[in-house]
PDB file of all heavy atoms in Angstrom:
ATOM      1  N   GLU A   1     116.390  98.254  98.268  1.00  0.00           N
ATOM      2  CA  GLU A   1     116.680  99.580  97.751  1.00  0.00           C
ATOM      3  C   GLU A   1     115.589 100.574  98.134  1.00  0.00           C
ATOM      4  O   GLU A   1     114.410 100.229  98.265  1.00  0.00           O
ATOM      5  CB  GLU A   1     116.845  99.562  96.223  1.00  0.00           C
ATOM      6  CG  GLU A   1     115.600  99.198  95.453  1.00  0.00           C
ATOM      7  CD  GLU A   1     115.792  99.352  93.943  1.00  0.00           C
ATOM      8  OE1 GLU A   1     116.884  99.740  93.497  1.00  0.00           O
ATOM      9  OE2 GLU A   1     114.825  99.071  93.206  1.00  0.00           O
ATOM     10  N   PHE A   2     116.031 101.792  98.286  1.00  0.00           N
ATOM     11  CA  PHE A   2     115.140 102.893  98.625  1.00  0.00           C
ATOM     12  C   PHE A   2     114.203 103.202  97.468  1.00  0.00           C
ATOM     13  O   PHE A   2     114.624 103.215  96.291  1.00  0.00           O
ATOM     14  CB  PHE A   2     115.990 104.112  98.966  1.00  0.00           C
ATOM     15  CG  PHE A   2     115.233 105.395  99.121  1.00  0.00           C
ATOM     16  CD1 PHE A   2     114.483 105.652 100.256  1.00  0.00           C
ATOM     17  CD2 PHE A   2     115.285 106.360  98.124  1.00  0.00           C
ATOM     18  CE1 PHE A   2     113.804 106.843 100.398  1.00  0.00           C
ATOM     19  CE2 PHE A   2     114.621 107.566  98.261  1.00  0.00           C
ATOM     20  CZ  PHE A   2     113.870 107.805  99.402  1.00  0.00           C
ATOM     21  N   VAL A   3     112.942 103.446  97.786  1.00  0.00           N
ATOM     22  CA  VAL A   3     111.958 103.851  96.778  1.00  0.00           C
ATOM     23  C   VAL A   3     111.556 105.311  96.986  1.00  0.00           C
ATOM     24  O   VAL A   3     111.613 106.116  96.056  1.00  0.00           O
ATOM     25  CB  VAL A   3     110.712 102.954  96.837  1.00  0.00           C
ATOM     26  CG1 VAL A   3     109.628 103.476  95.893  1.00  0.00           C
ATOM     27  CG2 VAL A   3     111.067 101.513  96.506  1.00  0.00           C
ATOM     28  N   GLY A   4     111.135 105.650  98.187  1.00  0.00           N
ATOM     29  CA  GLY A   4     110.709 107.020  98.445  1.00  0.00           C
ATOM     30  C   GLY A   4     110.464 107.250  99.919  1.00  0.00           C
ATOM     31  O   GLY A   4     110.395 106.312 100.707  1.00  0.00           O
ATOM     32  N   VAL A   5     110.337 108.517 100.272  1.00  0.00           N
ATOM     33  CA  VAL A   5     110.073 108.906 101.653  1.00  0.00           C
ATOM     34  C   VAL A   5     109.184 110.131 101.643  1.00  0.00           C
ATOM     35  O   VAL A   5     109.310 111.000 100.767  1.00  0.00           O
ATOM     36  CB  VAL A   5     111.388 109.170 102.426  1.00  0.00           C
ATOM     37  CG1 VAL A   5     112.234 110.225 101.755  1.00  0.00           C
ATOM     38  CG2 VAL A   5     111.113 109.528 103.880  1.00  0.00           C
ATOM     39  N   ILE A   6     108.285 110.190 102.606  1.00  0.00           N
ATOM     40  CA  ILE A   6     107.416 111.345 102.777  1.00  0.00           C
ATOM     41  C   ILE A   6     107.600 111.871 104.188  1.00  0.00           C
ATOM     42  O   ILE A   6     107.754 111.084 105.144  1.00  0.00           O
ATOM     43  CB  ILE A   6     105.942 110.971 102.488  1.00  0.00           C
ATOM     44  CG1 ILE A   6     105.047 112.209 102.523  1.00  0.00           C
ATOM     45  CG2 ILE A   6     105.437 109.894 103.442  1.00  0.00           C
ATOM     46  CD1 ILE A   6     103.645 111.968 101.965  1.00  0.00           C
ATOM     47  N   ASP A   7     107.615 113.181 104.325  1.00  0.00           N
ATOM     48  CA  ASP A   7     107.876 113.729 105.649  1.00  0.00           C
ATOM     49  C   ASP A   7     106.653 113.579 106.550  1.00  0.00           C
ATOM     50  O   ASP A   7     105.594 113.124 106.127  1.00  0.00           O
ATOM     51  CB  ASP A   7     108.363 115.172 105.562  1.00  0.00           C
ATOM     52  CG  ASP A   7     107.300 116.164 105.143  1.00  0.00           C
ATOM     53  OD1 ASP A   7     106.184 115.748 104.781  1.00  0.00           O
ATOM     54  OD2 ASP A   7     107.599 117.383 105.157  1.00  0.00           O
ATOM     55  N   TYR A   8     106.805 113.985 107.800  1.00  0.00           N
ATOM     56  CA  TYR A   8     105.805 113.669 108.815  1.00  0.00           C
ATOM     57  C   TYR A   8     104.449 114.319 108.556  1.00  0.00           C
ATOM     58  O   TYR A   8     103.419 113.784 108.957  1.00  0.00           O
ATOM     59  CB  TYR A   8     106.320 114.071 110.196  1.00  0.00           C
ATOM     60  CG  TYR A   8     106.605 115.546 110.350  1.00  0.00           C
ATOM     61  CD1 TYR A   8     105.654 116.394 110.894  1.00  0.00           C
ATOM     62  CD2 TYR A   8     107.819 116.093 109.953  1.00  0.00           C
ATOM     63  CE1 TYR A   8     105.899 117.749 111.027  1.00  0.00           C
ATOM     64  CE2 TYR A   8     108.067 117.448 110.086  1.00  0.00           C
ATOM     65  CZ  TYR A   8     107.106 118.265 110.619  1.00  0.00           C
ATOM     66  OH  TYR A   8     107.360 119.604 110.748  1.00  0.00           O
ATOM     67  N   ASN A   9     104.432 115.461 107.863  1.00  0.00           N
ATOM     68  CA  ASN A   9     103.145 116.121 107.626  1.00  0.00           C
ATOM     69  C   ASN A   9     102.705 116.045 106.166  1.00  0.00           C
ATOM     70  O   ASN A   9     101.728 116.672 105.782  1.00  0.00           O
ATOM     71  CB  ASN A   9     103.168 117.569 108.105  1.00  0.00           C
ATOM     72  CG  ASN A   9     104.228 118.394 107.395  1.00  0.00           C
ATOM     73  OD1 ASN A   9     104.865 117.920 106.467  1.00  0.00           O
ATOM     74  ND2 ASN A   9     104.418 119.621 107.840  1.00  0.00           N
ATOM     75  N   GLY A  10     103.433 115.264 105.381  1.00  0.00           N
ATOM     76  CA  GLY A  10     103.015 115.046 104.003  1.00  0.00           C
ATOM     77  C   GLY A  10     103.313 116.176 103.052  1.00  0.00           C
ATOM     78  O   GLY A  10     102.809 116.191 101.927  1.00  0.00           O
ATOM     79  N   GLU A  11     104.144 117.119 103.465  1.00  0.00           N
ATOM     80  CA  GLU A  11     104.383 118.288 102.621  1.00  0.00           C
ATOM     81  C   GLU A  11     105.511 118.101 101.630  1.00  0.00           C
ATOM     82  O   GLU A  11     105.608 118.844 100.652  1.00  0.00           O
ATOM     83  CB  GLU A  11     104.655 119.512 103.501  1.00  0.00           C
ATOM     84  CG  GLU A  11     103.425 119.985 104.254  1.00  0.00           C
ATOM     85  CD  GLU A  11     103.675 121.287 105.010  1.00  0.00           C
ATOM     86  OE1 GLU A  11     104.823 121.748 105.052  1.00  0.00           O
ATOM     87  OE2 GLU A  11     102.686 121.831 105.550  1.00  0.00           O
ATOM     88  N   SER A  12     106.363 117.156 101.864  1.00  0.00           N
ATOM     89  CA  SER A  12     107.451 116.932 100.916  1.00  0.00           C
ATOM     90  C   SER A  12     107.787 115.449 100.854  1.00  0.00           C
ATOM     91  O   SER A  12     107.519 114.679 101.788  1.00  0.00           O
ATOM     92  CB  SER A  12     108.681 117.746 101.292  1.00  0.00           C
ATOM     93  OG  SER A  12     109.157 117.367 102.553  1.00  0.00           O
ATOM     94  N   ALA A  13     108.340 115.083  99.726  1.00  0.00           N
ATOM     95  CA  ALA A  13     108.713 113.682  99.499  1.00  0.00           C
ATOM     96  C   ALA A  13     109.904 113.640  98.562  1.00  0.00           C
ATOM     97  O   ALA A  13     110.150 114.577  97.796  1.00  0.00           O
ATOM     98  CB  ALA A  13     107.543 112.893  98.909  1.00  0.00           C
ATOM     99  N   GLU A  14     110.633 112.566  98.633  1.00  0.00           N
ATOM    100  CA  GLU A  14     111.730 112.337  97.703  1.00  0.00           C
ATOM    101  C   GLU A  14     111.666 110.890  97.230  1.00  0.00           C
ATOM    102  O   GLU A  14     111.151 110.023  97.935  1.00  0.00           O
ATOM    103  CB  GLU A  14     113.071 112.620  98.378  1.00  0.00           C
ATOM    104  CG  GLU A  14     113.289 114.081  98.686  1.00  0.00           C
ATOM    105  CD  GLU A  14     114.742 114.499  98.608  1.00  0.00           C
ATOM    106  OE1 GLU A  14     115.600 113.605  98.464  1.00  0.00           O
ATOM    107  OE2 GLU A  14     115.001 115.713  98.682  1.00  0.00           O
ATOM    108  N   PHE A  15     112.216 110.688  96.019  1.00  0.00           N
ATOM    109  CA  PHE A  15     112.108 109.388  95.379  1.00  0.00           C
ATOM    110  C   PHE A  15     113.431 108.983  94.758  1.00  0.00           C
ATOM    111  O   PHE A  15     114.250 109.822  94.386  1.00  0.00           O
ATOM    112  CB  PHE A  15     111.020 109.420  94.294  1.00  0.00           C
ATOM    113  CG  PHE A  15     109.658 109.710  94.838  1.00  0.00           C
ATOM    114  CD1 PHE A  15     109.205 111.010  94.938  1.00  0.00           C
ATOM    115  CD2 PHE A  15     108.847 108.679  95.286  1.00  0.00           C
ATOM    116  CE1 PHE A  15     107.957 111.292  95.466  1.00  0.00           C
ATOM    117  CE2 PHE A  15     107.593 108.945  95.819  1.00  0.00           C
ATOM    118  CZ  PHE A  15     107.158 110.255  95.916  1.00  0.00           C
ATOM    119  N   ALA A  16     113.578 107.686  94.608  1.00  0.00           N
ATOM    120  CA  ALA A  16     114.699 107.168  93.852  1.00  0.00           C
ATOM    121  C   ALA A  16     114.536 107.571  92.390  1.00  0.00           C
ATOM    122  O   ALA A  16     113.414 107.686  91.885  1.00  0.00           O
ATOM    123  CB  ALA A  16     114.762 105.650  93.978  1.00  0.00           C
ATOM    124  N   ASP A  17     115.650 107.749  91.717  1.00  0.00           N
ATOM    125  CA  ASP A  17     115.597 108.148  90.304  1.00  0.00           C
ATOM    126  C   ASP A  17     114.810 107.152  89.462  1.00  0.00           C
ATOM    127  O   ASP A  17     114.142 107.527  88.495  1.00  0.00           O
ATOM    128  CB  ASP A  17     117.013 108.284  89.752  1.00  0.00           C
ATOM    129  CG  ASP A  17     117.734 109.510  90.297  1.00  0.00           C
ATOM    130  OD1 ASP A  17     117.061 110.416  90.831  1.00  0.00           O
ATOM    131  OD2 ASP A  17     118.968 109.555  90.185  1.00  0.00           O
ATOM    132  N   SER A  18     114.875 105.892  89.833  1.00  0.00           N
ATOM    133  CA  SER A  18     114.233 104.842  89.039  1.00  0.00           C
ATOM    134  C   SER A  18     112.703 104.929  89.043  1.00  0.00           C
ATOM    135  O   SER A  18     112.050 104.361  88.158  1.00  0.00           O
ATOM    136  CB  SER A  18     114.670 103.470  89.546  1.00  0.00           C
ATOM    137  OG  SER A  18     114.325 103.318  90.910  1.00  0.00           O
ATOM    138  N   VAL A  19     112.138 105.632  90.015  1.00  0.00           N
ATOM    139  CA  VAL A  19     110.676 105.714  90.103  1.00  0.00           C
ATOM    140  C   VAL A  19     110.162 107.145  90.008  1.00  0.00           C
ATOM    141  O   VAL A  19     108.945 107.372  89.983  1.00  0.00           O
ATOM    142  CB  VAL A  19     110.156 105.072  91.411  1.00  0.00           C
ATOM    143  CG1 VAL A  19     110.674 103.643  91.544  1.00  0.00           C
ATOM    144  CG2 VAL A  19     110.522 105.898  92.631  1.00  0.00           C
ATOM    145  N   LYS A  20     111.080 108.097  89.956  1.00  0.00           N
ATOM    146  CA  LYS A  20     110.682 109.499  89.928  1.00  0.00           C
ATOM    147  C   LYS A  20     109.797 109.778  88.718  1.00  0.00           C
ATOM    148  O   LYS A  20     110.082 109.340  87.601  1.00  0.00           O
ATOM    149  CB  LYS A  20     111.943 110.375  89.886  1.00  0.00           C
ATOM    150  CG  LYS A  20     111.783 111.740  90.466  1.00  0.00           C
ATOM    151  CD  LYS A  20     113.135 112.431  90.609  1.00  0.00           C
ATOM    152  CE  LYS A  20     113.939 111.829  91.743  1.00  0.00           C
ATOM    153  NZ  LYS A  20     115.219 112.561  91.969  1.00  0.00           N
ATOM    154  N   GLY A  21     108.697 110.477  88.961  1.00  0.00           N
ATOM    155  CA  GLY A  21     107.759 110.787  87.892  1.00  0.00           C
ATOM    156  C   GLY A  21     106.691 109.726  87.691  1.00  0.00           C
ATOM    157  O   GLY A  21     105.677 109.976  87.022  1.00  0.00           O
ATOM    158  N   ARG A  22     106.879 108.549  88.273  1.00  0.00           N
ATOM    159  CA  ARG A  22     105.880 107.488  88.149  1.00  0.00           C
ATOM    160  C   ARG A  22     105.233 107.150  89.489  1.00  0.00           C
ATOM    161  O   ARG A  22     104.060 106.768  89.522  1.00  0.00           O
ATOM    162  CB  ARG A  22     106.533 106.216  87.580  1.00  0.00           C
ATOM    163  CG  ARG A  22     107.128 106.381  86.201  1.00  0.00           C
ATOM    164  CD  ARG A  22     107.615 105.050  85.638  1.00  0.00           C
ATOM    165  NE  ARG A  22     108.689 104.465  86.441  1.00  0.00           N
ATOM    166  CZ  ARG A  22     108.606 103.275  87.028  1.00  0.00           C
ATOM    167  NH1 ARG A  22     107.518 102.535  86.898  1.00  0.00           N
ATOM    168  NH2 ARG A  22     109.640 102.810  87.734  1.00  0.00           N
ATOM    169  N   PHE A  23     105.976 107.292  90.547  1.00  0.00           N
ATOM    170  CA  PHE A  23     105.479 106.979  91.884  1.00  0.00           C
ATOM    171  C   PHE A  23     105.242 108.269  92.656  1.00  0.00           C
ATOM    172  O   PHE A  23     105.926 109.265  92.455  1.00  0.00           O
ATOM    173  CB  PHE A  23     106.478 106.127  92.650  1.00  0.00           C
ATOM    174  CG  PHE A  23     106.646 104.707  92.167  1.00  0.00           C
ATOM    175  CD1 PHE A  23     106.156 104.291  90.937  1.00  0.00           C
ATOM    176  CD2 PHE A  23     107.319 103.786  92.951  1.00  0.00           C
ATOM    177  CE1 PHE A  23     106.329 102.983  90.491  1.00  0.00           C
ATOM    178  CE2 PHE A  23     107.491 102.476  92.533  1.00  0.00           C
ATOM    179  CZ  PHE A  23     106.993 102.083  91.292  1.00  0.00           C
ATOM    180  N   SER A  24     104.289 108.213  93.553  1.00  0.00           N
ATOM    181  CA  SER A  24     104.054 109.337  94.464  1.00  0.00           C
ATOM    182  C   SER A  24     103.674 108.778  95.837  1.00  0.00           C
ATOM    183  O   SER A  24     103.340 107.590  95.966  1.00  0.00           O
ATOM    184  CB  SER A  24     102.964 110.260  93.936  1.00  0.00           C
ATOM    185  OG  SER A  24     101.734 109.576  93.833  1.00  0.00           O
ATOM    186  N   LEU A  25     103.736 109.653  96.822  1.00  0.00           N
ATOM    187  CA  LEU A  25     103.426 109.271  98.192  1.00  0.00           C
ATOM    188  C   LEU A  25     102.385 110.218  98.774  1.00  0.00           C
ATOM    189  O   LEU A  25     102.389 111.415  98.481  1.00  0.00           O
ATOM    190  CB  LEU A  25     104.686 109.329  99.060  1.00  0.00           C
ATOM    191  CG  LEU A  25     105.659 108.163  98.927  1.00  0.00           C
ATOM    192  CD1 LEU A  25     107.013 108.527  99.509  1.00  0.00           C
ATOM    193  CD2 LEU A  25     105.107 106.930  99.612  1.00  0.00           C
ATOM    194  N   SER A  26     101.546 109.668  99.608  1.00  0.00           N
ATOM    195  CA  SER A  26     100.623 110.487 100.384  1.00  0.00           C
ATOM    196  C   SER A  26     100.439 109.823 101.742  1.00  0.00           C
ATOM    197  O   SER A  26     100.814 108.658 101.929  1.00  0.00           O
ATOM    198  CB  SER A  26      99.277 110.642  99.674  1.00  0.00           C
ATOM    199  OG  SER A  26      98.629 109.385  99.531  1.00  0.00           O
ATOM    200  N   ARG A  27      99.901 110.581 102.659  1.00  0.00           N
ATOM    201  CA  ARG A  27      99.648 110.015 103.982  1.00  0.00           C
ATOM    202  C   ARG A  27      98.383 110.616 104.566  1.00  0.00           C
ATOM    203  O   ARG A  27      98.040 111.762 104.268  1.00  0.00           O
ATOM    204  CB  ARG A  27     100.841 110.228 104.899  1.00  0.00           C
ATOM    205  CG  ARG A  27     101.190 111.660 105.210  1.00  0.00           C
ATOM    206  CD  ARG A  27     102.524 111.745 105.965  1.00  0.00           C
ATOM    207  NE  ARG A  27     102.450 111.129 107.283  1.00  0.00           N
ATOM    208  CZ  ARG A  27     103.509 110.716 107.968  1.00  0.00           C
ATOM    209  NH1 ARG A  27     104.722 110.845 107.455  1.00  0.00           N
ATOM    210  NH2 ARG A  27     103.371 110.179 109.161  1.00  0.00           N
TER     211      ARG A  27
END
């Protein structure tokens, strides 16, 4: 299952509802 994705320059990300607000992404 999908957890999250971050775009190529780190400016935006999206998350599965199950982890939204608890998980974050950086690069």
